[in-house]
PDB file of all heavy atoms in Angstrom:
ATOM      1  N   ILE A   1     -39.753 -21.785  49.504  1.00  0.00           N
ATOM      2  CA  ILE A   1     -40.402 -21.423  50.765  1.00  0.00           C
ATOM      3  C   ILE A   1     -40.804 -19.951  50.751  1.00  0.00           C
ATOM      4  O   ILE A   1     -41.917 -19.600  51.157  1.00  0.00           O
ATOM      5  CB  ILE A   1     -39.488 -21.769  51.962  1.00  0.00           C
ATOM      6  CG1 ILE A   1     -39.380 -23.298  52.092  1.00  0.00           C
ATOM      7  CG2 ILE A   1     -40.008 -21.139  53.255  1.00  0.00           C
ATOM      8  CD1 ILE A   1     -38.353 -23.780  53.079  1.00  0.00           C
ATOM      9  N   LEU A   2     -39.931 -19.067  50.268  1.00  0.00           N
ATOM     10  CA  LEU A   2     -40.276 -17.650  50.182  1.00  0.00           C
ATOM     11  C   LEU A   2     -41.418 -17.417  49.195  1.00  0.00           C
ATOM     12  O   LEU A   2     -42.299 -16.586  49.436  1.00  0.00           O
ATOM     13  CB  LEU A   2     -39.047 -16.824  49.789  1.00  0.00           C
ATOM     14  CG  LEU A   2     -37.953 -16.719  50.853  1.00  0.00           C
ATOM     15  CD1 LEU A   2     -36.741 -15.982  50.298  1.00  0.00           C
ATOM     16  CD2 LEU A   2     -38.485 -16.023  52.096  1.00  0.00           C
ATOM     17  N   LEU A   3     -41.419 -18.155  48.087  1.00  0.00           N
ATOM     18  CA  LEU A   3     -42.513 -18.059  47.134  1.00  0.00           C
ATOM     19  C   LEU A   3     -43.821 -18.480  47.808  1.00  0.00           C
ATOM     20  O   LEU A   3     -44.859 -17.823  47.651  1.00  0.00           O
ATOM     21  CB  LEU A   3     -42.247 -18.927  45.908  1.00  0.00           C
ATOM     22  CG  LEU A   3     -43.383 -19.010  44.882  1.00  0.00           C
ATOM     23  CD1 LEU A   3     -43.640 -17.654  44.249  1.00  0.00           C
ATOM     24  CD2 LEU A   3     -43.062 -20.050  43.819  1.00  0.00           C
ATOM     25  N   GLY A   4     -43.787 -19.558  48.565  1.00  0.00           N
ATOM     26  CA  GLY A   4     -44.976 -20.026  49.269  1.00  0.00           C
ATOM     27  C   GLY A   4     -45.487 -19.007  50.276  1.00  0.00           C
ATOM     28  O   GLY A   4     -46.695 -18.760  50.363  1.00  0.00           O
ATOM     29  N   LEU A   5     -44.581 -18.398  51.011  1.00  0.00           N
ATOM     30  CA  LEU A   5     -44.991 -17.364  51.963  1.00  0.00           C
ATOM     31  C   LEU A   5     -45.558 -16.152  51.238  1.00  0.00           C
ATOM     32  O   LEU A   5     -46.522 -15.530  51.701  1.00  0.00           O
ATOM     33  CB  LEU A   5     -43.807 -16.973  52.849  1.00  0.00           C
ATOM     34  CG  LEU A   5     -43.312 -18.071  53.801  1.00  0.00           C
ATOM     35  CD1 LEU A   5     -42.037 -17.627  54.521  1.00  0.00           C
ATOM     36  CD2 LEU A   5     -44.398 -18.451  54.796  1.00  0.00           C
ATOM     37  N   GLY A   6     -44.971 -15.817  50.084  1.00  0.00           N
ATOM     38  CA  GLY A   6     -45.498 -14.710  49.280  1.00  0.00           C
ATOM     39  C   GLY A   6     -46.897 -14.996  48.763  1.00  0.00           C
ATOM     40  O   GLY A   6     -47.762 -14.114  48.755  1.00  0.00           O
ATOM     41  N   LEU A   7     -47.127 -16.222  48.327  1.00  0.00           N
ATOM     42  CA  LEU A   7     -48.467 -16.598  47.868  1.00  0.00           C
ATOM     43  C   LEU A   7     -49.472 -16.571  49.017  1.00  0.00           C
ATOM     44  O   LEU A   7     -50.616 -16.140  48.839  1.00  0.00           O
ATOM     45  CB  LEU A   7     -48.435 -17.974  47.208  1.00  0.00           C
ATOM     46  CG  LEU A   7     -47.765 -18.023  45.835  1.00  0.00           C
ATOM     47  CD1 LEU A   7     -47.495 -19.468  45.428  1.00  0.00           C
ATOM     48  CD2 LEU A   7     -48.615 -17.318  44.797  1.00  0.00           C
ATOM     49  N   ALA A   8     -49.050 -17.023  50.184  1.00  0.00           N
ATOM     50  CA  ALA A   8     -49.935 -16.978  51.349  1.00  0.00           C
ATOM     51  C   ALA A   8     -50.257 -15.529  51.710  1.00  0.00           C
ATOM     52  O   ALA A   8     -51.403 -15.204  52.038  1.00  0.00           O
ATOM     53  CB  ALA A   8     -49.296 -17.703  52.529  1.00  0.00           C
ATOM     54  N   ALA A   9     -49.273 -14.647  51.621  1.00  0.00           N
ATOM     55  CA  ALA A   9     -49.518 -13.218  51.871  1.00  0.00           C
ATOM     56  C   ALA A   9     -50.441 -12.646  50.803  1.00  0.00           C
ATOM     57  O   ALA A   9     -51.291 -11.799  51.095  1.00  0.00           O
ATOM     58  CB  ALA A   9     -48.200 -12.452  51.902  1.00  0.00           C
ATOM     59  N   GLY A  10     -50.292 -13.127  49.573  1.00  0.00           N
ATOM     60  CA  GLY A  10     -51.187 -12.691  48.501  1.00  0.00           C
ATOM     61  C   GLY A  10     -52.624 -13.073  48.775  1.00  0.00           C
ATOM     62  O   GLY A  10     -53.554 -12.358  48.400  1.00  0.00           O
ATOM     63  N   GLU A  11     -52.818 -14.197  49.427  1.00  0.00           N
ATOM     64  CA  GLU A  11     -54.175 -14.622  49.805  1.00  0.00           C
ATOM     65  C   GLU A  11     -54.802 -13.626  50.776  1.00  0.00           C
ATOM     66  O   GLU A  11     -55.993 -13.363  50.718  1.00  0.00           O
ATOM     67  CB  GLU A  11     -54.142 -16.015  50.428  1.00  0.00           C
ATOM     68  CG  GLU A  11     -55.480 -16.537  50.855  1.00  0.00           C
ATOM     69  CD  GLU A  11     -56.380 -16.902  49.684  1.00  0.00           C
ATOM     70  OE1 GLU A  11     -55.868 -17.310  48.632  1.00  0.00           O
ATOM     71  OE2 GLU A  11     -57.603 -16.775  49.841  1.00  0.00           O
ATOM     72  N   LEU A  12     -53.971 -13.058  51.648  1.00  0.00           N
ATOM     73  CA  LEU A  12     -54.491 -12.059  52.584  1.00  0.00           C
ATOM     74  C   LEU A  12     -54.884 -10.783  51.856  1.00  0.00           C
ATOM     75  O   LEU A  12     -55.865 -10.140  52.190  1.00  0.00           O
ATOM     76  CB  LEU A  12     -53.444 -11.741  53.654  1.00  0.00           C
ATOM     77  CG  LEU A  12     -53.085 -12.884  54.597  1.00  0.00           C
ATOM     78  CD1 LEU A  12     -51.929 -12.473  55.505  1.00  0.00           C
ATOM     79  CD2 LEU A  12     -54.290 -13.286  55.417  1.00  0.00           C
ATOM     80  N   ALA A  13     -54.096 -10.411  50.838  1.00  0.00           N
ATOM     81  CA  ALA A  13     -54.372  -9.187  50.085  1.00  0.00           C
ATOM     82  C   ALA A  13     -55.512  -9.382  49.095  1.00  0.00           C
ATOM     83  O   ALA A  13     -56.282  -8.464  48.839  1.00  0.00           O
ATOM     84  CB  ALA A  13     -53.108  -8.727  49.354  1.00  0.00           C
ATOM     85  N   LEU A  14     -55.599 -10.562  48.501  1.00  0.00           N
ATOM     86  CA  LEU A  14     -56.619 -10.865  47.495  1.00  0.00           C
ATOM     87  C   LEU A  14     -57.367 -12.120  47.905  1.00  0.00           C
ATOM     88  O   LEU A  14     -57.146 -13.198  47.367  1.00  0.00           O
ATOM     89  CB  LEU A  14     -55.965 -11.091  46.126  1.00  0.00           C
ATOM     90  CG  LEU A  14     -55.082  -9.973  45.596  1.00  0.00           C
ATOM     91  CD1 LEU A  14     -54.264 -10.456  44.420  1.00  0.00           C
ATOM     92  CD2 LEU A  14     -55.948  -8.794  45.200  1.00  0.00           C
ATOM     93  N   PRO A  15     -58.276 -12.005  48.885  1.00  0.00           N
ATOM     94  CA  PRO A  15     -58.942 -13.204  49.374  1.00  0.00           C
ATOM     95  C   PRO A  15     -59.725 -13.922  48.282  1.00  0.00           C
ATOM     96  O   PRO A  15     -60.355 -13.309  47.465  1.00  0.00           O
ATOM     97  CB  PRO A  15     -59.884 -12.698  50.449  1.00  0.00           C
ATOM     98  CG  PRO A  15     -59.679 -11.247  50.557  1.00  0.00           C
ATOM     99  CD  PRO A  15     -58.725 -10.804  49.512  1.00  0.00           C
ATOM    100  N   GLY A  16     -59.648 -15.203  48.282  1.00  0.00           N
ATOM    101  CA  GLY A  16     -60.365 -16.010  47.318  1.00  0.00           C
ATOM    102  C   GLY A  16     -60.158 -17.477  47.598  1.00  0.00           C
ATOM    103  O   GLY A  16     -60.668 -18.328  46.900  1.00  0.00           O
ATOM    104  N   ILE A  17     -59.381 -17.756  48.607  1.00  0.00           N
ATOM    105  CA  ILE A  17     -59.090 -19.124  49.025  1.00  0.00           C
ATOM    106  C   ILE A  17     -58.545 -19.951  47.860  1.00  0.00           C
ATOM    107  O   ILE A  17     -58.988 -21.043  47.579  1.00  0.00           O
ATOM    108  CB  ILE A  17     -60.306 -19.799  49.681  1.00  0.00           C
ATOM    109  CG1 ILE A  17     -60.879 -18.914  50.782  1.00  0.00           C
ATOM    110  CG2 ILE A  17     -59.930 -21.141  50.274  1.00  0.00           C
ATOM    111  CD1 ILE A  17     -62.085 -19.501  51.471  1.00  0.00           C
ATOM    112  N   PHE A  18     -57.596 -19.396  47.148  1.00  0.00           N
ATOM    113  CA  PHE A  18     -56.945 -20.124  46.066  1.00  0.00           C
ATOM    114  C   PHE A  18     -55.432 -20.027  46.179  1.00  0.00           C
ATOM    115  O   PHE A  18     -54.746 -21.032  46.077  1.00  0.00           O
ATOM    116  CB  PHE A  18     -57.406 -19.602  44.703  1.00  0.00           C
ATOM    117  CG  PHE A  18     -56.793 -20.363  43.561  1.00  0.00           C
ATOM    118  CD1 PHE A  18     -57.260 -21.623  43.238  1.00  0.00           C
ATOM    119  CD2 PHE A  18     -55.744 -19.839  42.839  1.00  0.00           C
ATOM    120  CE1 PHE A  18     -56.695 -22.343  42.207  1.00  0.00           C
ATOM    121  CE2 PHE A  18     -55.174 -20.550  41.798  1.00  0.00           C
ATOM    122  CZ  PHE A  18     -55.654 -21.801  41.485  1.00  0.00           C
ATOM    123  N   LEU A  19     -54.902 -18.838  46.411  1.00  0.00           N
ATOM    124  CA  LEU A  19     -53.449 -18.677  46.498  1.00  0.00           C
ATOM    125  C   LEU A  19     -52.852 -19.444  47.667  1.00  0.00           C
ATOM    126  O   LEU A  19     -51.704 -19.872  47.602  1.00  0.00           O
ATOM    127  CB  LEU A  19     -53.082 -17.193  46.612  1.00  0.00           C
ATOM    128  CG  LEU A  19     -53.343 -16.339  45.378  1.00  0.00           C
ATOM    129  CD1 LEU A  19     -52.989 -14.884  45.656  1.00  0.00           C
ATOM    130  CD2 LEU A  19     -52.571 -16.858  44.188  1.00  0.00           C
ATOM    131  N   ILE A  20     -53.630 -19.629  48.709  1.00  0.00           N
ATOM    132  CA  ILE A  20     -53.118 -20.346  49.877  1.00  0.00           C
ATOM    133  C   ILE A  20     -52.720 -21.772  49.523  1.00  0.00           C
ATOM    134  O   ILE A  20     -51.721 -22.292  50.014  1.00  0.00           O
ATOM    135  CB  ILE A  20     -54.130 -20.314  51.056  1.00  0.00           C
ATOM    136  CG1 ILE A  20     -53.475 -20.814  52.347  1.00  0.00           C
ATOM    137  CG2 ILE A  20     -55.368 -21.125  50.747  1.00  0.00           C
ATOM    138  CD1 ILE A  20     -52.421 -19.922  52.891  1.00  0.00           C
ATOM    139  N   TRP A  21     -53.482 -22.413  48.622  1.00  0.00           N
ATOM    140  CA  TRP A  21     -53.176 -23.795  48.252  1.00  0.00           C
ATOM    141  C   TRP A  21     -51.891 -23.859  47.429  1.00  0.00           C
ATOM    142  O   TRP A  21     -51.092 -24.781  47.593  1.00  0.00           O
ATOM    143  CB  TRP A  21     -54.347 -24.424  47.512  1.00  0.00           C
ATOM    144  CG  TRP A  21     -55.633 -24.251  48.263  1.00  0.00           C
ATOM    145  CD1 TRP A  21     -56.759 -23.623  47.821  1.00  0.00           C
ATOM    146  CD2 TRP A  21     -55.923 -24.670  49.602  1.00  0.00           C
ATOM    147  NE1 TRP A  21     -57.727 -23.635  48.795  1.00  0.00           N
ATOM    148  CE2 TRP A  21     -57.238 -24.273  49.902  1.00  0.00           C
ATOM    149  CE3 TRP A  21     -55.192 -25.346  50.579  1.00  0.00           C
ATOM    150  CZ2 TRP A  21     -57.851 -24.525  51.126  1.00  0.00           C
ATOM    151  CZ3 TRP A  21     -55.797 -25.602  51.800  1.00  0.00           C
ATOM    152  CH2 TRP A  21     -57.104 -25.197  52.057  1.00  0.00           C
ATOM    153  N   LEU A  22     -51.700 -22.883  46.548  1.00  0.00           N
ATOM    154  CA  LEU A  22     -50.436 -22.821  45.804  1.00  0.00           C
ATOM    155  C   LEU A  22     -49.278 -22.519  46.750  1.00  0.00           C
ATOM    156  O   LEU A  22     -48.179 -23.049  46.584  1.00  0.00           O
ATOM    157  CB  LEU A  22     -50.521 -21.755  44.711  1.00  0.00           C
ATOM    158  CG  LEU A  22     -51.562 -21.979  43.621  1.00  0.00           C
ATOM    159  CD1 LEU A  22     -51.581 -20.808  42.653  1.00  0.00           C
ATOM    160  CD2 LEU A  22     -51.314 -23.282  42.897  1.00  0.00           C
ATOM    161  N   GLY A  23     -49.536 -21.667  47.741  1.00  0.00           N
ATOM    162  CA  GLY A  23     -48.507 -21.361  48.732  1.00  0.00           C
ATOM    163  C   GLY A  23     -48.097 -22.590  49.521  1.00  0.00           C
ATOM    164  O   GLY A  23     -46.910 -22.824  49.766  1.00  0.00           O
ATOM    165  N   LEU A  24     -49.075 -23.408  49.895  1.00  0.00           N
ATOM    166  CA  LEU A  24     -48.748 -24.652  50.603  1.00  0.00           C
ATOM    167  C   LEU A  24     -47.957 -25.598  49.707  1.00  0.00           C
ATOM    168  O   LEU A  24     -47.024 -26.275  50.172  1.00  0.00           O
ATOM    169  CB  LEU A  24     -50.024 -25.332  51.099  1.00  0.00           C
ATOM    170  CG  LEU A  24     -50.750 -24.628  52.246  1.00  0.00           C
ATOM    171  CD1 LEU A  24     -52.087 -25.297  52.521  1.00  0.00           C
ATOM    172  CD2 LEU A  24     -49.881 -24.604  53.486  1.00  0.00           C
ATOM    173  N   GLY A  25     -48.311 -25.653  48.426  1.00  0.00           N
ATOM    174  CA  GLY A  25     -47.556 -26.475  47.483  1.00  0.00           C
ATOM    175  C   GLY A  25     -46.117 -26.002  47.350  1.00  0.00           C
ATOM    176  O   GLY A  25     -45.187 -26.809  47.297  1.00  0.00           O
ATOM    177  N   ALA A  26     -45.925 -24.685  47.318  1.00  0.00           N
ATOM    178  CA  ALA A  26     -44.570 -24.135  47.195  1.00  0.00           C
ATOM    179  C   ALA A  26     -43.748 -24.398  48.459  1.00  0.00           C
ATOM    180  O   ALA A  26     -42.566 -24.763  48.375  1.00  0.00           O
ATOM    181  CB  ALA A  26     -44.631 -22.641  46.897  1.00  0.00           C
ATOM    182  N   ILE A  27     -44.360 -24.233  49.617  1.00  0.00           N
ATOM    183  CA  ILE A  27     -43.639 -24.496  50.871  1.00  0.00           C
ATOM    184  C   ILE A  27     -43.278 -25.976  50.956  1.00  0.00           C
ATOM    185  O   ILE A  27     -42.150 -26.340  51.318  1.00  0.00           O
ATOM    186  CB  ILE A  27     -44.470 -24.037  52.086  1.00  0.00           C
ATOM    187  CG1 ILE A  27     -44.553 -22.504  52.101  1.00  0.00           C
ATOM    188  CG2 ILE A  27     -43.865 -24.565  53.386  1.00  0.00           C
ATOM    189  CD1 ILE A  27     -45.538 -21.938  53.103  1.00  0.00           C
ATOM    190  N   GLY A  28     -44.216 -26.842  50.595  1.00  0.00           N
ATOM    191  CA  GLY A  28     -43.923 -28.277  50.581  1.00  0.00           C
ATOM    192  C   GLY A  28     -42.815 -28.622  49.599  1.00  0.00           C
ATOM    193  O   GLY A  28     -41.955 -29.474  49.874  1.00  0.00           O
ATOM    194  N   THR A  29     -42.798 -27.950  48.456  1.00  0.00           N
ATOM    195  CA  THR A  29     -41.735 -28.178  47.476  1.00  0.00           C
ATOM    196  C   THR A  29     -40.384 -27.743  48.041  1.00  0.00           C
ATOM    197  O   THR A  29     -39.376 -28.427  47.849  1.00  0.00           O
ATOM    198  CB  THR A  29     -42.036 -27.413  46.170  1.00  0.00           C
ATOM    199  OG1 THR A  29     -43.289 -27.856  45.662  1.00  0.00           O
ATOM    200  CG2 THR A  29     -40.950 -27.635  45.134  1.00  0.00           C
ATOM    201  N   GLY A  30     -40.380 -26.617  48.742  1.00  0.00           N
ATOM    202  CA  GLY A  30     -39.138 -26.164  49.373  1.00  0.00           C
ATOM    203  C   GLY A  30     -38.620 -27.160  50.391  1.00  0.00           C
ATOM    204  O   GLY A  30     -37.425 -27.465  50.434  1.00  0.00           O
ATOM    205  N   LEU A  31     -39.525 -27.709  51.195  1.00  0.00           N
ATOM    206  CA  LEU A  31     -39.113 -28.699  52.193  1.00  0.00           C
ATOM    207  C   LEU A  31     -38.618 -29.981  51.530  1.00  0.00           C
ATOM    208  O   LEU A  31     -37.608 -30.567  51.957  1.00  0.00           O
ATOM    209  CB  LEU A  31     -40.269 -28.988  53.145  1.00  0.00           C
ATOM    210  CG  LEU A  31     -40.731 -27.805  54.005  1.00  0.00           C
ATOM    211  CD1 LEU A  31     -41.991 -28.171  54.788  1.00  0.00           C
ATOM    212  CD2 LEU A  31     -39.619 -27.340  54.929  1.00  0.00           C
ATOM    213  N   ALA A  32     -39.320 -30.418  50.461  1.00  0.00           N
ATOM    214  CA  ALA A  32     -38.884 -31.620  49.745  1.00  0.00           C
ATOM    215  C   ALA A  32     -37.533 -31.395  49.065  1.00  0.00           C
ATOM    216  O   ALA A  32     -36.678 -32.293  49.053  1.00  0.00           O
ATOM    217  CB  ALA A  32     -39.942 -32.021  48.706  1.00  0.00           C
ATOM    218  N   THR A  33     -37.329 -30.202  48.521  1.00  0.00           N
ATOM    219  CA  THR A  33     -36.052 -29.886  47.870  1.00  0.00           C
ATOM    220  C   THR A  33     -34.920 -29.886  48.887  1.00  0.00           C
ATOM    221  O   THR A  33     -33.822 -30.391  48.618  1.00  0.00           O
ATOM    222  CB  THR A  33     -36.147 -28.524  47.148  1.00  0.00           C
ATOM    223  OG1 THR A  33     -37.163 -28.615  46.151  1.00  0.00           O
ATOM    224  CG2 THR A  33     -34.836 -28.148  46.501  1.00  0.00           C
ATOM    225  N   ALA A  34     -35.179 -29.327  50.069  1.00  0.00           N
ATOM    226  CA  ALA A  34     -34.155 -29.306  51.112  1.00  0.00           C
ATOM    227  C   ALA A  34     -33.820 -30.720  51.576  1.00  0.00           C
ATOM    228  O   ALA A  34     -32.660 -31.052  51.798  1.00  0.00           O
ATOM    229  CB  ALA A  34     -34.621 -28.458  52.291  1.00  0.00           C
ATOM    230  N   ALA A  35     -34.840 -31.567  51.686  1.00  0.00           N
ATOM    231  CA  ALA A  35     -34.619 -32.925  52.196  1.00  0.00           C
ATOM    232  C   ALA A  35     -34.028 -33.859  51.148  1.00  0.00           C
ATOM    233  O   ALA A  35     -33.204 -34.710  51.467  1.00  0.00           O
ATOM    234  CB  ALA A  35     -35.936 -33.499  52.709  1.00  0.00           C
ATOM    235  N   LEU A  36     -34.446 -33.710  49.888  1.00  0.00           N
ATOM    236  CA  LEU A  36     -34.078 -34.682  48.858  1.00  0.00           C
ATOM    237  C   LEU A  36     -33.117 -34.151  47.807  1.00  0.00           C
ATOM    238  O   LEU A  36     -32.638 -34.931  46.970  1.00  0.00           O
ATOM    239  CB  LEU A  36     -35.352 -35.196  48.155  1.00  0.00           C
ATOM    240  CG  LEU A  36     -36.420 -35.802  49.061  1.00  0.00           C
ATOM    241  CD1 LEU A  36     -37.687 -36.100  48.272  1.00  0.00           C
ATOM    242  CD2 LEU A  36     -35.891 -37.048  49.742  1.00  0.00           C
ATOM    243  N   GLY A  37     -32.864 -32.848  47.801  1.00  0.00           N
ATOM    244  CA  GLY A  37     -31.978 -32.272  46.800  1.00  0.00           C
ATOM    245  C   GLY A  37     -32.491 -32.470  45.379  1.00  0.00           C
ATOM    246  O   GLY A  37     -31.752 -32.904  44.491  1.00  0.00           O
TER     247      GLY A  37
END
């Protein structure tokens, strides 16, 4: 989740509409890891 938030913040610093998608993937992975171990 922190990695995802960092990637989303990176999108703000380096706009290109690419890091945001990786950030969403990382946040989703964090949620799946929390739910499914």
